[in-house]
Amino acid sequence: MAESLGEHIKAIRTNLGWSEAQLARKAGVSQSVINDIEAGKNNNPRIKTLWKLGHATGVSLSDLLNIQSLNKITR
C-alpha cells in the first residue's frame, strides 16, 4: 500500500531526526500545519507550504510529491 503525503513528510522529518517543531521552525510554518499534514487532516496543503517543507529538508518539490523517493532520503 502506498504511503500518504503526510506519512512521507513524517518519514523524511524523522529520517532527519527532527521534531515537528524543528521542521516547522526551519520551514517557516506553524507546528499545527506540520501536524495536520502528517496526521492526514490536511490532504491538500498549499504548494507554497510544500515548497517550504522541501526547501527546509533539502528535498525537491518533485521528490517530495513522489512518494517512491523516500528510499533516496538519508540522514
N, C-alpha and C. Protein backbone atom coordinates (compact mmCIF):
# COMPACT_ATOMS: atom_id res chain seq x y z
N MET A 1 0.85 -1.18 0.00
CA MET A 1 0.00 0.00 0.00
C MET A 1 0.89 1.24 0.00
N ALA A 2 0.59 2.19 -0.86
CA ALA A 2 1.38 3.41 -0.96
C ALA A 2 1.15 4.28 0.27
N GLU A 3 2.21 4.94 0.70
CA GLU A 3 2.05 5.82 1.84
C GLU A 3 1.49 7.16 1.38
N SER A 4 0.83 7.84 2.30
CA SER A 4 0.23 9.14 2.01
C SER A 4 1.31 10.22 2.01
N LEU A 5 0.93 11.38 1.53
CA LEU A 5 1.85 12.52 1.55
C LEU A 5 2.27 12.83 2.99
N GLY A 6 1.32 12.80 3.91
CA GLY A 6 1.64 13.07 5.31
C GLY A 6 2.61 12.06 5.90
N GLU A 7 2.41 10.79 5.57
CA GLU A 7 3.33 9.75 6.04
C GLU A 7 4.71 9.95 5.43
N HIS A 8 4.74 10.37 4.19
CA HIS A 8 6.01 10.62 3.50
C HIS A 8 6.77 11.77 4.15
N ILE A 9 6.07 12.85 4.42
CA ILE A 9 6.71 14.00 5.07
C ILE A 9 7.19 13.64 6.46
N LYS A 10 6.39 12.88 7.19
CA LYS A 10 6.80 12.44 8.54
C LYS A 10 8.05 11.57 8.46
N ALA A 11 8.10 10.67 7.48
CA ALA A 11 9.27 9.80 7.32
C ALA A 11 10.52 10.63 7.01
N ILE A 12 10.40 11.62 6.15
CA ILE A 12 11.54 12.49 5.83
C ILE A 12 11.99 13.21 7.10
N ARG A 13 11.03 13.77 7.83
CA ARG A 13 11.36 14.51 9.05
C ARG A 13 12.05 13.62 10.07
N THR A 14 11.52 12.42 10.29
CA THR A 14 12.12 11.54 11.29
C THR A 14 13.48 11.01 10.82
N ASN A 15 13.64 10.80 9.51
CA ASN A 15 14.96 10.41 9.00
C ASN A 15 16.00 11.49 9.27
N LEU A 16 15.56 12.73 9.29
CA LEU A 16 16.47 13.84 9.60
C LEU A 16 16.68 14.01 11.10
N GLY A 17 15.87 13.29 11.89
CA GLY A 17 15.98 13.39 13.34
C GLY A 17 15.36 14.65 13.91
N TRP A 18 14.40 15.21 13.18
CA TRP A 18 13.77 16.46 13.60
C TRP A 18 12.41 16.22 14.22
N SER A 19 12.06 17.06 15.17
CA SER A 19 10.71 17.07 15.73
C SER A 19 9.81 17.88 14.80
N GLU A 20 8.51 17.81 15.03
CA GLU A 20 7.59 18.65 14.27
C GLU A 20 7.93 20.13 14.46
N ALA A 21 8.27 20.49 15.69
CA ALA A 21 8.60 21.89 15.99
C ALA A 21 9.85 22.34 15.22
N GLN A 22 10.84 21.47 15.13
CA GLN A 22 12.06 21.83 14.40
C GLN A 22 11.77 22.01 12.92
N LEU A 23 11.01 21.12 12.32
CA LEU A 23 10.67 21.26 10.92
C LEU A 23 9.85 22.53 10.69
N ALA A 24 8.90 22.78 11.56
CA ALA A 24 8.08 23.98 11.43
C ALA A 24 8.94 25.24 11.46
N ARG A 25 9.86 25.29 12.41
CA ARG A 25 10.74 26.46 12.54
C ARG A 25 11.62 26.62 11.30
N LYS A 26 12.22 25.54 10.84
CA LYS A 26 13.11 25.60 9.67
C LYS A 26 12.35 25.94 8.39
N ALA A 27 11.09 25.51 8.30
CA ALA A 27 10.29 25.76 7.09
C ALA A 27 9.52 27.07 7.16
N GLY A 28 9.42 27.64 8.34
CA GLY A 28 8.68 28.89 8.48
C GLY A 28 7.17 28.70 8.41
N VAL A 29 6.71 27.58 8.95
CA VAL A 29 5.27 27.32 9.05
C VAL A 29 4.96 26.95 10.49
N SER A 30 3.68 26.92 10.84
CA SER A 30 3.33 26.58 12.21
C SER A 30 3.42 25.07 12.44
N GLN A 31 3.64 24.71 13.68
CA GLN A 31 3.70 23.29 14.02
C GLN A 31 2.36 22.61 13.75
N SER A 32 1.27 23.35 13.91
CA SER A 32 -0.05 22.75 13.65
C SER A 32 -0.20 22.40 12.18
N VAL A 33 0.43 23.16 11.27
CA VAL A 33 0.40 22.82 9.85
C VAL A 33 1.10 21.48 9.63
N ILE A 34 2.27 21.32 10.24
CA ILE A 34 3.01 20.06 10.11
C ILE A 34 2.17 18.92 10.66
N ASN A 35 1.62 19.11 11.85
CA ASN A 35 0.83 18.06 12.49
C ASN A 35 -0.37 17.69 11.65
N ASP A 36 -1.08 18.67 11.12
CA ASP A 36 -2.27 18.40 10.31
C ASP A 36 -1.93 17.63 9.04
N ILE A 37 -0.81 17.98 8.39
CA ILE A 37 -0.40 17.27 7.17
C ILE A 37 -0.02 15.82 7.52
N GLU A 38 0.81 15.67 8.54
CA GLU A 38 1.28 14.33 8.91
C GLU A 38 0.15 13.43 9.41
N ALA A 39 -0.83 14.01 10.08
CA ALA A 39 -1.94 13.23 10.62
C ALA A 39 -3.03 12.96 9.58
N GLY A 40 -2.86 13.51 8.39
CA GLY A 40 -3.85 13.30 7.34
C GLY A 40 -5.07 14.20 7.46
N LYS A 41 -5.01 15.20 8.33
CA LYS A 41 -6.12 16.15 8.47
C LYS A 41 -6.11 17.17 7.34
N ASN A 42 -4.95 17.37 6.73
CA ASN A 42 -4.82 18.27 5.59
C ASN A 42 -4.18 17.48 4.46
N ASN A 43 -5.00 16.95 3.58
CA ASN A 43 -4.51 16.14 2.47
C ASN A 43 -4.22 16.96 1.23
N ASN A 44 -4.46 18.27 1.30
CA ASN A 44 -4.27 19.13 0.16
C ASN A 44 -3.57 20.43 0.58
N PRO A 45 -2.32 20.32 1.09
CA PRO A 45 -1.63 21.53 1.54
C PRO A 45 -1.30 22.44 0.36
N ARG A 46 -1.13 23.70 0.64
CA ARG A 46 -0.77 24.67 -0.39
C ARG A 46 0.60 24.33 -0.97
N ILE A 47 0.76 24.61 -2.25
CA ILE A 47 2.03 24.34 -2.91
C ILE A 47 3.16 25.13 -2.25
N LYS A 48 2.87 26.34 -1.79
CA LYS A 48 3.88 27.16 -1.11
C LYS A 48 4.35 26.46 0.18
N THR A 49 3.43 25.84 0.89
CA THR A 49 3.79 25.11 2.11
C THR A 49 4.67 23.92 1.77
N LEU A 50 4.30 23.19 0.73
CA LEU A 50 5.11 22.04 0.31
C LEU A 50 6.49 22.48 -0.14
N TRP A 51 6.56 23.61 -0.84
CA TRP A 51 7.86 24.13 -1.28
C TRP A 51 8.72 24.45 -0.06
N LYS A 52 8.13 25.10 0.96
CA LYS A 52 8.87 25.43 2.18
C LYS A 52 9.38 24.17 2.88
N LEU A 53 8.54 23.14 2.94
CA LEU A 53 8.95 21.89 3.56
C LEU A 53 10.09 21.24 2.78
N GLY A 54 9.96 21.25 1.47
CA GLY A 54 11.02 20.69 0.64
C GLY A 54 12.32 21.46 0.78
N HIS A 55 12.23 22.76 0.78
CA HIS A 55 13.42 23.61 0.92
C HIS A 55 14.10 23.36 2.27
N ALA A 56 13.31 23.28 3.32
CA ALA A 56 13.86 23.07 4.67
C ALA A 56 14.54 21.72 4.80
N THR A 57 14.00 20.71 4.14
CA THR A 57 14.54 19.35 4.28
C THR A 57 15.58 19.00 3.21
N GLY A 58 15.72 19.85 2.21
CA GLY A 58 16.65 19.56 1.12
C GLY A 58 16.10 18.58 0.11
N VAL A 59 14.78 18.44 0.10
CA VAL A 59 14.11 17.52 -0.82
C VAL A 59 13.39 18.37 -1.87
N SER A 60 13.63 18.09 -3.14
CA SER A 60 12.97 18.88 -4.18
C SER A 60 11.46 18.67 -4.11
N LEU A 61 10.74 19.64 -4.60
CA LEU A 61 9.29 19.55 -4.59
C LEU A 61 8.83 18.32 -5.38
N SER A 62 9.47 18.05 -6.49
CA SER A 62 9.07 16.88 -7.28
C SER A 62 9.33 15.59 -6.50
N ASP A 63 10.44 15.51 -5.79
CA ASP A 63 10.71 14.32 -4.97
C ASP A 63 9.79 14.25 -3.76
N LEU A 64 9.46 15.41 -3.20
CA LEU A 64 8.56 15.43 -2.05
C LEU A 64 7.20 14.86 -2.45
N LEU A 65 6.76 15.17 -3.64
CA LEU A 65 5.46 14.70 -4.11
C LEU A 65 5.52 13.28 -4.66
N ASN A 66 6.72 12.77 -4.92
CA ASN A 66 6.89 11.41 -5.40
C ASN A 66 7.15 10.52 -4.21
N ILE A 67 6.14 9.85 -3.76
CA ILE A 67 6.22 9.03 -2.55
C ILE A 67 7.33 7.98 -2.65
N GLN A 68 7.62 7.50 -3.84
CA GLN A 68 8.66 6.50 -4.03
C GLN A 68 10.05 7.03 -3.71
N SER A 69 10.22 8.37 -3.64
CA SER A 69 11.55 8.94 -3.42
C SER A 69 12.06 8.75 -2.00
N LEU A 70 11.23 8.28 -1.09
CA LEU A 70 11.64 8.11 0.31
C LEU A 70 12.91 7.28 0.41
N ASN A 71 13.08 6.30 -0.45
CA ASN A 71 14.27 5.45 -0.39
C ASN A 71 15.55 6.23 -0.67
N LYS A 72 15.46 7.40 -1.27
CA LYS A 72 16.64 8.23 -1.57
C LYS A 72 17.05 9.10 -0.40
N ILE A 73 16.17 9.25 0.59
CA ILE A 73 16.41 10.17 1.70
C ILE A 73 17.32 9.49 2.72
N THR A 74 18.40 10.16 3.05
CA THR A 74 19.31 9.66 4.08
C THR A 74 19.56 10.76 5.08
N ARG A 75 20.02 10.39 6.21
CA ARG A 75 20.31 11.36 7.26
C ARG A 75 21.48 12.23 6.92
